[in-house]
Amino acid sequence: MKLTENFVNPSSRTLYFDNFFASTDLLKSLGEESFRATGTIRESRINHEYPLEESMRKKESGSSDIAFDQNSEIFLV
């Protein structure tokens, strides 16, 4: 978050990051500051507000599922 302090007009910015930095908590914080963000999130960094279906873990590679939180406007694929 410290790296975003000097941005003017955050709603005109989109941040991209890899799974080393990404978490649902970070996406929420960035959203509260009006930033858009995209990143790959490790399963261990998805908090309990977005439970992963056990059936999703059993699907073959390349399968996908979605979740959307209207409050924070976080969309997970």
PDB file of N, CA and C in Angstrom:
ATOM      1  N   MET A   1       0.825  -1.190   0.000  1.00  0.00           N
ATOM      2  CA  MET A   1       0.000   0.000   0.000  1.00  0.00           C
ATOM      3  C   MET A   1       0.870   1.255   0.000  1.00  0.00           C
ATOM      4  N   LYS A   2       2.038   1.152   0.605  1.00  0.00           N
ATOM      5  CA  LYS A   2       2.915   2.314   0.655  1.00  0.00           C
ATOM      6  C   LYS A   2       3.327   2.769  -0.755  1.00  0.00           C
ATOM      7  N   LEU A   3       3.447   1.826  -1.672  1.00  0.00           N
ATOM      8  CA  LEU A   3       3.842   2.170  -3.045  1.00  0.00           C
ATOM      9  C   LEU A   3       2.760   2.955  -3.789  1.00  0.00           C
ATOM     10  N   THR A   4       1.540   2.960  -3.301  1.00  0.00           N
ATOM     11  CA  THR A   4       0.444   3.649  -3.978  1.00  0.00           C
ATOM     12  C   THR A   4       0.182   5.042  -3.423  1.00  0.00           C
ATOM     13  N   GLU A   5       0.903   5.455  -2.405  1.00  0.00           N
ATOM     14  CA  GLU A   5       0.628   6.729  -1.724  1.00  0.00           C
ATOM     15  C   GLU A   5       0.752   7.957  -2.626  1.00  0.00           C
ATOM     16  N   ASN A   6       1.621   7.931  -3.607  1.00  0.00           N
ATOM     17  CA  ASN A   6       1.869   9.110  -4.436  1.00  0.00           C
ATOM     18  C   ASN A   6       1.052   9.166  -5.720  1.00  0.00           C
ATOM     19  N   PHE A   7       0.197   8.193  -5.938  1.00  0.00           N
ATOM     20  CA  PHE A   7      -0.627   8.203  -7.146  1.00  0.00           C
ATOM     21  C   PHE A   7      -1.726   9.249  -7.025  1.00  0.00           C
ATOM     22  N   VAL A   8      -1.899  10.025  -8.096  1.00  0.00           N
ATOM     23  CA  VAL A   8      -3.005  10.971  -8.178  1.00  0.00           C
ATOM     24  C   VAL A   8      -4.103  10.298  -8.998  1.00  0.00           C
ATOM     25  N   ASN A   9      -5.345  10.468  -8.584  1.00  0.00           N
ATOM     26  CA  ASN A   9      -6.499   9.897  -9.271  1.00  0.00           C
ATOM     27  C   ASN A   9      -6.388   8.370  -9.390  1.00  0.00           C
ATOM     28  N   PRO A  10      -6.456   7.663  -8.267  1.00  0.00           N
ATOM     29  CA  PRO A  10      -6.290   6.208  -8.290  1.00  0.00           C
ATOM     30  C   PRO A  10      -7.327   5.471  -9.129  1.00  0.00           C
ATOM     31  N   SER A  11      -8.505   6.044  -9.330  1.00  0.00           N
ATOM     32  CA  SER A  11      -9.524   5.342 -10.116  1.00  0.00           C
ATOM     33  C   SER A  11      -9.140   5.212 -11.591  1.00  0.00           C
ATOM     34  N   SER A  12      -8.140   5.975 -12.025  1.00  0.00           N
ATOM     35  CA  SER A  12      -7.669   5.856 -13.405  1.00  0.00           C
ATOM     36  C   SER A  12      -6.498   4.880 -13.520  1.00  0.00           C
ATOM     37  N   ARG A  13      -6.170   4.198 -12.438  1.00  0.00           N
ATOM     38  CA  ARG A  13      -5.029   3.267 -12.416  1.00  0.00           C
ATOM     39  C   ARG A  13      -5.505   1.834 -12.234  1.00  0.00           C
ATOM     40  N   THR A  14      -4.808   0.917 -12.873  1.00  0.00           N
ATOM     41  CA  THR A  14      -5.022  -0.507 -12.646  1.00  0.00           C
ATOM     42  C   THR A  14      -3.680  -1.109 -12.266  1.00  0.00           C
ATOM     43  N   LEU A  15      -3.657  -1.803 -11.148  1.00  0.00           N
ATOM     44  CA  LEU A  15      -2.434  -2.443 -10.672  1.00  0.00           C
ATOM     45  C   LEU A  15      -2.485  -3.929 -11.000  1.00  0.00           C
ATOM     46  N   TYR A  16      -1.351  -4.471 -11.407  1.00  0.00           N
ATOM     47  CA  TYR A  16      -1.217  -5.887 -11.725  1.00  0.00           C
ATOM     48  C   TYR A  16      -0.094  -6.449 -10.869  1.00  0.00           C
ATOM     49  N   PHE A  17      -0.314  -7.621 -10.303  1.00  0.00           N
ATOM     50  CA  PHE A  17       0.740  -8.222  -9.488  1.00  0.00           C
ATOM     51  C   PHE A  17       0.610  -9.734  -9.512  1.00  0.00           C
ATOM     52  N   ASP A  18       1.714 -10.397  -9.104  1.00  0.00           N
ATOM     53  CA  ASP A  18       1.736 -11.855  -9.133  1.00  0.00           C
ATOM     54  C   ASP A  18       1.310 -12.426  -7.785  1.00  0.00           C
ATOM     55  N   ASN A  19       1.329 -13.748  -7.697  1.00  0.00           N
ATOM     56  CA  ASN A  19       0.812 -14.404  -6.500  1.00  0.00           C
ATOM     57  C   ASN A  19       1.690 -14.248  -5.265  1.00  0.00           C
ATOM     58  N   PHE A  20       2.872 -13.690  -5.402  1.00  0.00           N
ATOM     59  CA  PHE A  20       3.706 -13.448  -4.230  1.00  0.00           C
ATOM     60  C   PHE A  20       3.119 -12.334  -3.372  1.00  0.00           C
ATOM     61  N   PHE A  21       2.491 -11.343  -4.001  1.00  0.00           N
ATOM     62  CA  PHE A  21       1.957 -10.189  -3.291  1.00  0.00           C
ATOM     63  C   PHE A  21       0.447 -10.220  -3.098  1.00  0.00           C
ATOM     64  N   ALA A  22      -0.277 -10.911  -3.941  1.00  0.00           N
ATOM     65  CA  ALA A  22      -1.734 -10.813  -3.983  1.00  0.00           C
ATOM     66  C   ALA A  22      -2.422 -11.527  -2.823  1.00  0.00           C
ATOM     67  N   SER A  23      -3.501 -10.910  -2.340  1.00  0.00           N
ATOM     68  CA  SER A  23      -4.393 -11.518  -1.354  1.00  0.00           C
ATOM     69  C   SER A  23      -5.737 -10.806  -1.452  1.00  0.00           C
ATOM     70  N   THR A  24      -6.780 -11.439  -0.938  1.00  0.00           N
ATOM     71  CA  THR A  24      -8.078 -10.781  -0.964  1.00  0.00           C
ATOM     72  C   THR A  24      -8.084  -9.547  -0.073  1.00  0.00           C
ATOM     73  N   ASP A  25      -7.328  -9.574   1.009  1.00  0.00           N
ATOM     74  CA  ASP A  25      -7.235  -8.390   1.881  1.00  0.00           C
ATOM     75  C   ASP A  25      -6.591  -7.215   1.143  1.00  0.00           C
ATOM     76  N   LEU A  26      -5.564  -7.480   0.341  1.00  0.00           N
ATOM     77  CA  LEU A  26      -4.933  -6.427  -0.443  1.00  0.00           C
ATOM     78  C   LEU A  26      -5.912  -5.862  -1.468  1.00  0.00           C
ATOM     79  N   LEU A  27      -6.654  -6.738  -2.143  1.00  0.00           N
ATOM     80  CA  LEU A  27      -7.637  -6.265  -3.118  1.00  0.00           C
ATOM     81  C   LEU A  27      -8.692  -5.377  -2.463  1.00  0.00           C
ATOM     82  N   LYS A  28      -9.129  -5.756  -1.264  1.00  0.00           N
ATOM     83  CA  LYS A  28     -10.096  -4.922  -0.535  1.00  0.00           C
ATOM     84  C   LYS A  28      -9.506  -3.556  -0.216  1.00  0.00           C
ATOM     85  N   SER A  29      -8.296  -3.533   0.295  1.00  0.00           N
ATOM     86  CA  SER A  29      -7.649  -2.270   0.659  1.00  0.00           C
ATOM     87  C   SER A  29      -7.465  -1.375  -0.563  1.00  0.00           C
ATOM     88  N   LEU A  30      -7.041  -1.951  -1.667  1.00  0.00           N
ATOM     89  CA  LEU A  30      -6.869  -1.171  -2.889  1.00  0.00           C
ATOM     90  C   LEU A  30      -8.209  -0.641  -3.393  1.00  0.00           C
ATOM     91  N   GLY A  31      -9.243  -1.456  -3.307  1.00  0.00           N
ATOM     92  CA  GLY A  31     -10.570  -1.028  -3.724  1.00  0.00           C
ATOM     93  C   GLY A  31     -11.098   0.126  -2.891  1.00  0.00           C
ATOM     94  N   GLU A  32     -10.812   0.098  -1.603  1.00  0.00           N
ATOM     95  CA  GLU A  32     -11.230   1.190  -0.714  1.00  0.00           C
ATOM     96  C   GLU A  32     -10.543   2.499  -1.081  1.00  0.00           C
ATOM     97  N   GLU A  33      -9.374   2.402  -1.708  1.00  0.00           N
ATOM     98  CA  GLU A  33      -8.640   3.583  -2.163  1.00  0.00           C
ATOM     99  C   GLU A  33      -8.956   3.930  -3.620  1.00  0.00           C
ATOM    100  N   SER A  34      -9.917   3.227  -4.217  1.00  0.00           N
ATOM    101  CA  SER A  34     -10.391   3.435  -5.599  1.00  0.00           C
ATOM    102  C   SER A  34      -9.469   2.886  -6.671  1.00  0.00           C
ATOM    103  N   PHE A  35      -8.518   2.056  -6.310  1.00  0.00           N
ATOM    104  CA  PHE A  35      -7.670   1.409  -7.304  1.00  0.00           C
ATOM    105  C   PHE A  35      -8.376   0.193  -7.869  1.00  0.00           C
ATOM    106  N   ARG A  36      -8.126  -0.093  -9.140  1.00  0.00           N
ATOM    107  CA  ARG A  36      -8.507  -1.372  -9.738  1.00  0.00           C
ATOM    108  C   ARG A  36      -7.263  -2.243  -9.689  1.00  0.00           C
ATOM    109  N   ALA A  37      -7.458  -3.534  -9.487  1.00  0.00           N
ATOM    110  CA  ALA A  37      -6.297  -4.419  -9.378  1.00  0.00           C
ATOM    111  C   ALA A  37      -6.625  -5.790  -9.929  1.00  0.00           C
ATOM    112  N   THR A  38      -5.608  -6.428 -10.491  1.00  0.00           N
ATOM    113  CA  THR A  38      -5.718  -7.777 -11.028  1.00  0.00           C
ATOM    114  C   THR A  38      -4.494  -8.557 -10.593  1.00  0.00           C
ATOM    115  N   GLY A  39      -4.699  -9.783 -10.158  1.00  0.00           N
ATOM    116  CA  GLY A  39      -3.568 -10.603  -9.763  1.00  0.00           C
ATOM    117  C   GLY A  39      -3.966 -12.042  -9.557  1.00  0.00           C
ATOM    118  N   THR A  40      -2.984 -12.905  -9.504  1.00  0.00           N
ATOM    119  CA  THR A  40      -3.172 -14.309  -9.193  1.00  0.00           C
ATOM    120  C   THR A  40      -3.017 -14.466  -7.689  1.00  0.00           C
ATOM    121  N   ILE A  41      -3.963 -15.144  -7.064  1.00  0.00           N
ATOM    122  CA  ILE A  41      -3.931 -15.284  -5.607  1.00  0.00           C
ATOM    123  C   ILE A  41      -3.745 -16.750  -5.250  1.00  0.00           C
ATOM    124  N   ARG A  42      -2.805 -17.003  -4.367  1.00  0.00           N
ATOM    125  CA  ARG A  42      -2.602 -18.365  -3.875  1.00  0.00           C
ATOM    126  C   ARG A  42      -3.801 -18.764  -3.006  1.00  0.00           C
ATOM    127  N   GLU A  43      -4.125 -20.021  -3.034  1.00  0.00           N
ATOM    128  CA  GLU A  43      -5.275 -20.515  -2.261  1.00  0.00           C
ATOM    129  C   GLU A  43      -5.154 -20.157  -0.782  1.00  0.00           C
ATOM    130  N   SER A  44      -3.958 -20.177  -0.240  1.00  0.00           N
ATOM    131  CA  SER A  44      -3.761 -19.889   1.181  1.00  0.00           C
ATOM    132  C   SER A  44      -3.984 -18.410   1.519  1.00  0.00           C
ATOM    133  N   ARG A  45      -4.092 -17.549   0.504  1.00  0.00           N
ATOM    134  CA  ARG A  45      -4.294 -16.120   0.748  1.00  0.00           C
ATOM    135  C   ARG A  45      -5.715 -15.660   0.428  1.00  0.00           C
ATOM    136  N   ILE A  46      -6.607 -16.608   0.228  1.00  0.00           N
ATOM    137  CA  ILE A  46      -8.022 -16.291   0.068  1.00  0.00           C
ATOM    138  C   ILE A  46      -8.652 -16.501   1.432  1.00  0.00           C
ATOM    139  N   ASN A  47      -9.139 -15.416   2.049  1.00  0.00           N
ATOM    140  CA  ASN A  47      -9.668 -15.559   3.405  1.00  0.00           C
ATOM    141  C   ASN A  47     -11.006 -16.284   3.396  1.00  0.00           C
ATOM    142  N   HIS A  48     -11.546 -16.543   4.559  1.00  0.00           N
ATOM    143  CA  HIS A  48     -12.730 -17.381   4.709  1.00  0.00           C
ATOM    144  C   HIS A  48     -14.012 -16.749   4.180  1.00  0.00           C
ATOM    145  N   GLU A  49     -13.977 -15.484   3.782  1.00  0.00           N
ATOM    146  CA  GLU A  49     -15.150 -14.865   3.182  1.00  0.00           C
ATOM    147  C   GLU A  49     -15.424 -15.446   1.802  1.00  0.00           C
ATOM    148  N   TYR A  50     -14.424 -16.044   1.189  1.00  0.00           N
ATOM    149  CA  TYR A  50     -14.532 -16.605  -0.146  1.00  0.00           C
ATOM    150  C   TYR A  50     -14.158 -18.086  -0.092  1.00  0.00           C
ATOM    151  N   PRO A  51     -15.030 -18.902   0.478  1.00  0.00           N
ATOM    152  CA  PRO A  51     -14.653 -20.323   0.604  1.00  0.00           C
ATOM    153  C   PRO A  51     -14.573 -20.996  -0.753  1.00  0.00           C
ATOM    154  N   LEU A  52     -13.545 -21.792  -0.930  1.00  0.00           N
ATOM    155  CA  LEU A  52     -13.411 -22.573  -2.160  1.00  0.00           C
ATOM    156  C   LEU A  52     -14.197 -23.866  -1.989  1.00  0.00           C
ATOM    157  N   GLU A  53     -14.950 -24.192  -2.992  1.00  0.00           N
ATOM    158  CA  GLU A  53     -15.716 -25.427  -2.957  1.00  0.00           C
ATOM    159  C   GLU A  53     -14.763 -26.619  -2.996  1.00  0.00           C
ATOM    160  N   GLU A  54     -15.037 -27.606  -2.165  1.00  0.00           N
ATOM    161  CA  GLU A  54     -14.225 -28.820  -2.176  1.00  0.00           C
ATOM    162  C   GLU A  54     -14.283 -29.473  -3.557  1.00  0.00           C
ATOM    163  N   SER A  55     -15.438 -29.366  -4.221  1.00  0.00           N
ATOM    164  CA  SER A  55     -15.573 -29.964  -5.546  1.00  0.00           C
ATOM    165  C   SER A  55     -14.633 -29.294  -6.548  1.00  0.00           C
ATOM    166  N   MET A  56     -14.311 -28.007  -6.342  1.00  0.00           N
ATOM    167  CA  MET A  56     -13.406 -27.307  -7.246  1.00  0.00           C
ATOM    168  C   MET A  56     -11.991 -27.844  -7.114  1.00  0.00           C
ATOM    169  N   ARG A  57     -11.608 -28.191  -5.919  1.00  0.00           N
ATOM    170  CA  ARG A  57     -10.258 -28.724  -5.705  1.00  0.00           C
ATOM    171  C   ARG A  57     -10.072 -30.068  -6.417  1.00  0.00           C
ATOM    172  N   LYS A  58     -11.168 -30.792  -6.632  1.00  0.00           N
ATOM    173  CA  LYS A  58     -11.089 -32.118  -7.227  1.00  0.00           C
ATOM    174  C   LYS A  58     -11.174 -32.091  -8.747  1.00  0.00           C
ATOM    175  N   LYS A  59     -11.441 -30.924  -9.344  1.00  0.00           N
ATOM    176  CA  LYS A  59     -11.573 -30.848 -10.796  1.00  0.00           C
ATOM    177  C   LYS A  59     -10.202 -30.926 -11.460  1.00  0.00           C
ATOM    178  N   GLU A  60     -10.226 -31.311 -12.721  1.00  0.00           N
ATOM    179  CA  GLU A  60      -8.966 -31.448 -13.443  1.00  0.00           C
ATOM    180  C   GLU A  60      -8.368 -30.074 -13.759  1.00  0.00           C
ATOM    181  N   SER A  61      -7.108 -30.064 -14.068  1.00  0.00           N
ATOM    182  CA  SER A  61      -6.396 -28.840 -14.413  1.00  0.00           C
ATOM    183  C   SER A  61      -7.073 -28.151 -15.594  1.00  0.00           C
ATOM    184  N   GLY A  62      -7.188 -26.837 -15.513  1.00  0.00           N
ATOM    185  CA  GLY A  62      -7.834 -26.070 -16.570  1.00  0.00           C
ATOM    186  C   GLY A  62      -9.280 -25.738 -16.275  1.00  0.00           C
ATOM    187  N   SER A  63      -9.853 -26.351 -15.243  1.00  0.00           N
ATOM    188  CA  SER A  63     -11.228 -26.056 -14.853  1.00  0.00           C
ATOM    189  C   SER A  63     -11.272 -24.719 -14.132  1.00  0.00           C
ATOM    190  N   SER A  64     -12.451 -24.109 -14.102  1.00  0.00           N
ATOM    191  CA  SER A  64     -12.562 -22.827 -13.396  1.00  0.00           C
ATOM    192  C   SER A  64     -13.915 -22.709 -12.713  1.00  0.00           C
ATOM    193  N   ASP A  65     -13.998 -21.776 -11.784  1.00  0.00           N
ATOM    194  CA  ASP A  65     -15.221 -21.451 -11.074  1.00  0.00           C
ATOM    195  C   ASP A  65     -15.139 -19.972 -10.748  1.00  0.00           C
ATOM    196  N   ILE A  66     -16.243 -19.364 -10.345  1.00  0.00           N
ATOM    197  CA  ILE A  66     -16.230 -17.929 -10.049  1.00  0.00           C
ATOM    198  C   ILE A  66     -16.882 -17.646  -8.710  1.00  0.00           C
ATOM    199  N   ALA A  67     -16.504 -16.513  -8.126  1.00  0.00           N
ATOM    200  CA  ALA A  67     -17.141 -15.985  -6.915  1.00  0.00           C
ATOM    201  C   ALA A  67     -17.080 -14.466  -7.011  1.00  0.00           C
ATOM    202  N   PHE A  68     -18.139 -13.791  -6.563  1.00  0.00           N
ATOM    203  CA  PHE A  68     -18.186 -12.329  -6.594  1.00  0.00           C
ATOM    204  C   PHE A  68     -18.741 -11.823  -5.277  1.00  0.00           C
ATOM    205  N   ASP A  69     -18.031 -10.874  -4.663  1.00  0.00           N
ATOM    206  CA  ASP A  69     -18.486 -10.241  -3.430  1.00  0.00           C
ATOM    207  C   ASP A  69     -18.984  -8.840  -3.784  1.00  0.00           C
ATOM    208  N   GLN A  70     -20.290  -8.603  -3.665  1.00  0.00           N
ATOM    209  CA  GLN A  70     -20.857  -7.320  -4.045  1.00  0.00           C
ATOM    210  C   GLN A  70     -20.390  -6.183  -3.142  1.00  0.00           C
ATOM    211  N   ASN A  71     -20.136  -6.463  -1.882  1.00  0.00           N
ATOM    212  CA  ASN A  71     -19.704  -5.406  -0.961  1.00  0.00           C
ATOM    213  C   ASN A  71     -18.345  -4.836  -1.334  1.00  0.00           C
ATOM    214  N   SER A  72     -17.383  -5.698  -1.553  1.00  0.00           N
ATOM    215  CA  SER A  72     -16.026  -5.233  -1.868  1.00  0.00           C
ATOM    216  C   SER A  72     -15.773  -5.199  -3.375  1.00  0.00           C
ATOM    217  N   GLU A  73     -16.706  -5.720  -4.161  1.00  0.00           N
ATOM    218  CA  GLU A  73     -16.581  -5.806  -5.614  1.00  0.00           C
ATOM    219  C   GLU A  73     -15.350  -6.597  -6.041  1.00  0.00           C
ATOM    220  N   ILE A  74     -15.066  -7.649  -5.314  1.00  0.00           N
ATOM    221  CA  ILE A  74     -13.963  -8.553  -5.656  1.00  0.00           C
ATOM    222  C   ILE A  74     -14.545  -9.714  -6.449  1.00  0.00           C
ATOM    223  N   PHE A  75     -13.959  -9.954  -7.605  1.00  0.00           N
ATOM    224  CA  PHE A  75     -14.382 -11.029  -8.491  1.00  0.00           C
ATOM    225  C   PHE A  75     -13.252 -12.038  -8.568  1.00  0.00           C
ATOM    226  N   LEU A  76     -13.519 -13.266  -8.170  1.00  0.00           N
ATOM    227  CA  LEU A  76     -12.510 -14.328  -8.213  1.00  0.00           C
ATOM    228  C   LEU A  76     -12.881 -15.343  -9.279  1.00  0.00           C
ATOM    229  N   VAL A  77     -11.889 -15.754 -10.048  1.00  0.00           N
ATOM    230  CA  VAL A  77     -12.084 -16.798 -11.059  1.00  0.00           C
ATOM    231  C   VAL A  77     -11.184 -17.940 -10.712  1.00  0.00           C
TER     232      VAL A  77
END
